[in-house]
Amino acid sequence: MSPSSPSSDHIRIADNLRRTVELTELGLALRQAVIEQRNVPGAGEGMAQVMHEIRLAKEQAWQQSQS
């Protein structure tokens, strides 16, 4: 197993940090969706809306990671 170069370490670290930020954004989007659903009286499809918000945030994070 060859030691990795400093530049490949920097690339790996930057990639891990980007993924951490994306996961944080997803978590915050989920939290925001849940809070908004709590504030809507009589919202029967609360979980469907939360899942929709998760999918949107996931797609957005995926698109950003591909660019």
Protein backbone atom coordinates (compact mmCIF):
# COMPACT_ATOMS: atom_id res chain seq x y z
CA MET A 1 0.00 0.00 0.00
CA SER A 2 1.65 3.22 -1.12
CA PRO A 3 1.44 6.35 1.01
CA SER A 4 -0.92 8.95 -0.38
CA SER A 5 0.44 12.26 -1.59
CA PRO A 6 -0.37 15.49 0.24
CA SER A 7 -2.49 16.69 -2.68
CA SER A 8 -4.60 13.51 -2.69
CA ASP A 9 -5.05 13.90 1.07
CA HIS A 10 -6.27 17.46 0.54
CA ILE A 11 -8.70 16.31 -2.14
CA ARG A 12 -10.02 13.54 0.13
CA ILE A 13 -10.37 15.92 3.08
CA ALA A 14 -12.16 18.52 0.94
CA ASP A 15 -14.52 15.84 -0.38
CA ASN A 16 -15.30 14.65 3.15
CA LEU A 17 -15.97 18.21 4.30
CA ARG A 18 -18.27 18.81 1.31
CA ARG A 19 -20.22 15.66 2.15
CA THR A 20 -20.45 16.73 5.78
CA VAL A 21 -21.92 20.07 4.74
CA GLU A 22 -24.38 18.34 2.42
CA LEU A 23 -25.54 16.02 5.21
CA THR A 24 -25.91 19.00 7.53
CA GLU A 25 -28.02 20.78 4.91
CA LEU A 26 -30.20 17.69 4.53
CA GLY A 27 -30.65 17.45 8.29
CA LEU A 28 -31.58 21.12 8.53
CA ALA A 29 -34.03 20.83 5.65
CA LEU A 30 -35.69 17.88 7.38
CA ARG A 31 -35.85 19.78 10.67
CA GLN A 32 -37.34 22.83 8.95
CA ALA A 33 -39.96 20.71 7.19
CA VAL A 34 -40.97 19.04 10.46
CA ILE A 35 -41.24 22.39 12.27
CA GLU A 36 -43.30 23.88 9.45
CA GLN A 37 -45.67 20.89 9.54
CA ARG A 38 -46.18 21.35 13.27
CA ASN A 39 -47.25 24.94 12.62
CA VAL A 40 -49.91 23.97 10.06
CA PRO A 41 -53.17 23.03 11.79
CA GLY A 42 -54.92 20.01 10.33
CA ALA A 43 -52.08 19.04 7.98
CA GLY A 44 -52.96 15.41 7.30
CA GLU A 45 -50.19 14.78 4.82
CA GLY A 46 -47.37 16.00 7.05
CA MET A 47 -45.11 12.99 6.53
CA ALA A 48 -45.59 13.13 2.76
CA GLN A 49 -44.49 16.76 2.79
CA VAL A 50 -41.48 15.96 4.95
CA MET A 51 -40.45 13.16 2.59
CA HIS A 52 -40.88 15.51 -0.35
CA GLU A 53 -38.59 18.06 1.32
CA ILE A 54 -36.01 15.34 1.99
CA ARG A 55 -36.05 14.29 -1.66
CA LEU A 56 -35.69 17.89 -2.85
CA ALA A 57 -32.77 18.53 -0.50
CA LYS A 58 -31.14 15.24 -1.48
CA GLU A 59 -31.46 16.01 -5.19
CA GLN A 60 -30.05 19.48 -4.67
CA ALA A 61 -27.08 18.12 -2.70
CA TRP A 62 -26.49 15.46 -5.35
CA GLN A 63 -26.52 18.05 -8.15
CA GLN A 64 -24.07 20.24 -6.24
CA SER A 65 -21.76 17.31 -5.62
CA GLN A 66 -21.71 16.46 -9.33
CA SER A 67 -20.58 19.95 -10.34
